């Protein structure tokens, strides 16, 4: 048998992959918000990150790989239209490349039983499907959900009136992932009846045939006699009976075959009593606007949230609610890296899910923060608030991405950014080398750990052989320590079996693209012709210091503590 060929989507520049810097996150406490009182079930450890969403996702890898239950993203659709808050006009190949990088990181963040849901339209949806197949594997494709975003046709459309969008659904591992069933809608109950006054109660009328080939199912193609007319009835040419002759005879005996009120229907139907007792149903792939909302409803929600400058391209809260109903349970972690107006976080919060959102633009503060604060304060009466009986509560922390760790000095040499204080530097180096940042109050040389016996120590001082020997003795033979320092003097770097010494910044110099702050889906941010200027470095945020004040500081000439 010939080997299977793996099909891949190709585009100009596909081989070019960015070398992302794993930035640390700095909390801006003035923008973090929490309810004034705590209630059972409230979620306070939610996260809103302002910054480039690709760098934001990279920043989450060290702490959240494999822990996100549901991802929903609504990326710019590459429609060629310029929006107020998004430049949604990016050449096709660039768009694919930029989406590929984000989806690759999102794939790593998903838990084994997690799923990703991506809104897209016809312009790029089919290319995105192939791209998703490549990253997630075709076997993990779940469905293409059709959302009816408009409820009336546009008579001025040049060709066909576009009234739908796609939501591509993939599982991290389809063999593990299972969707939640949905509550039966009220309209479904109208199908329940008791047209023949059956003493057993209400029932639902179900087709007695199914669309199967009679050559494949010959035992299911046979005549049935209508007891009221004596006529023999056969399935149509393209169908067979749903039941075998034996099961049909049993259905007749139990009074489950229905021929209509007058008893003269051309084909029978099955009286299903069990369906009446059901309280939930399997989700379908067609989502009508009356069930999950439409763009008009979403715009009304946006106006209510931000009357002066409503977000131009929102999604209705009921649409996100449907996704989270299927893909999550209370307490699960939800991620949206194209936060937009913050709908995903608002809905997840009201539904008792934990959430993380990333957004680059100013609307992170002008739109998302006010909206979330209203939700937490119980002042948001729109969207799904009434349906889920939301009264307010919980909170979130607002973070921004730290500036790049390295910058050029006056001699064009890469050095540690002046914006980094000791704690920030230690945390950043932990990310670069795969350690969990956890400074010890007992040991100055213990800034993080990768296991119970493997630790990291960060200092920009030059360490002497005597200092290394003292550290080695304290670490002991049962533990190992990675030391990141400016330099070491005297002796062999390999002289201590429990120590590994790396010089900074040299040890990380070739790992990343330093000083690049924008990988956004804005065409003016893309390096098409010339390199981007390096970003402006913010003033160092105030952070808690790490280490022992009696030991050498992380910066020569600086006292250890806040910068």
Foldseek 3Di string as FASTA:
>chain_A
DDDDDDDADDDPPLVDDAQAAQFEWDFDFVLWDFFPDADPLFAAAFEEEAFFLLSVLSNCLLPQFQAAAEEEEEAQACPCDCDPFAGSHDDPRLVLNLVLSVVLSVLRRHHQQHKYKYKYADPCVVVVLRSCCVRQNPVFWDDWFKEQQDDDFDPPDPPGGDGIITITMGGSHNVRYFWDFAFDDPVVLVQWDDLPPDPVGTWHWAAQKDQDQCVVVVQQWDWDAQPVPRDTATDPRRIGGPDGPVVVVVQVVVVQWACDPVSPRRGITGTGPVVNVDGTHHDDRYHYCVQQHHQVQQQVLQCVQPVVDGQDGGGALSNLVVVCNTRHAAAGEYEYADCRLNSNVLSCSLRRYHYYYYHHTPSSPVGNSSNVNCQQHQNRPDGCCVVSVRRHGYIYTYIYTAAFQWDQDPVRDIDGDPLDAQLSVLCSVCSVVSWDQDFDPVAQQAGTANDPAEGEGEAAAEAEPVRVVVVLVVSDDRHAYEYEYQHYDDDDQPPRPRYHYDYPPVVCPPSRDTQQGHPDPNVVSDCPDHDDDGDDHDHHDWDAWGGDQVDDGRDPPDRTGTD
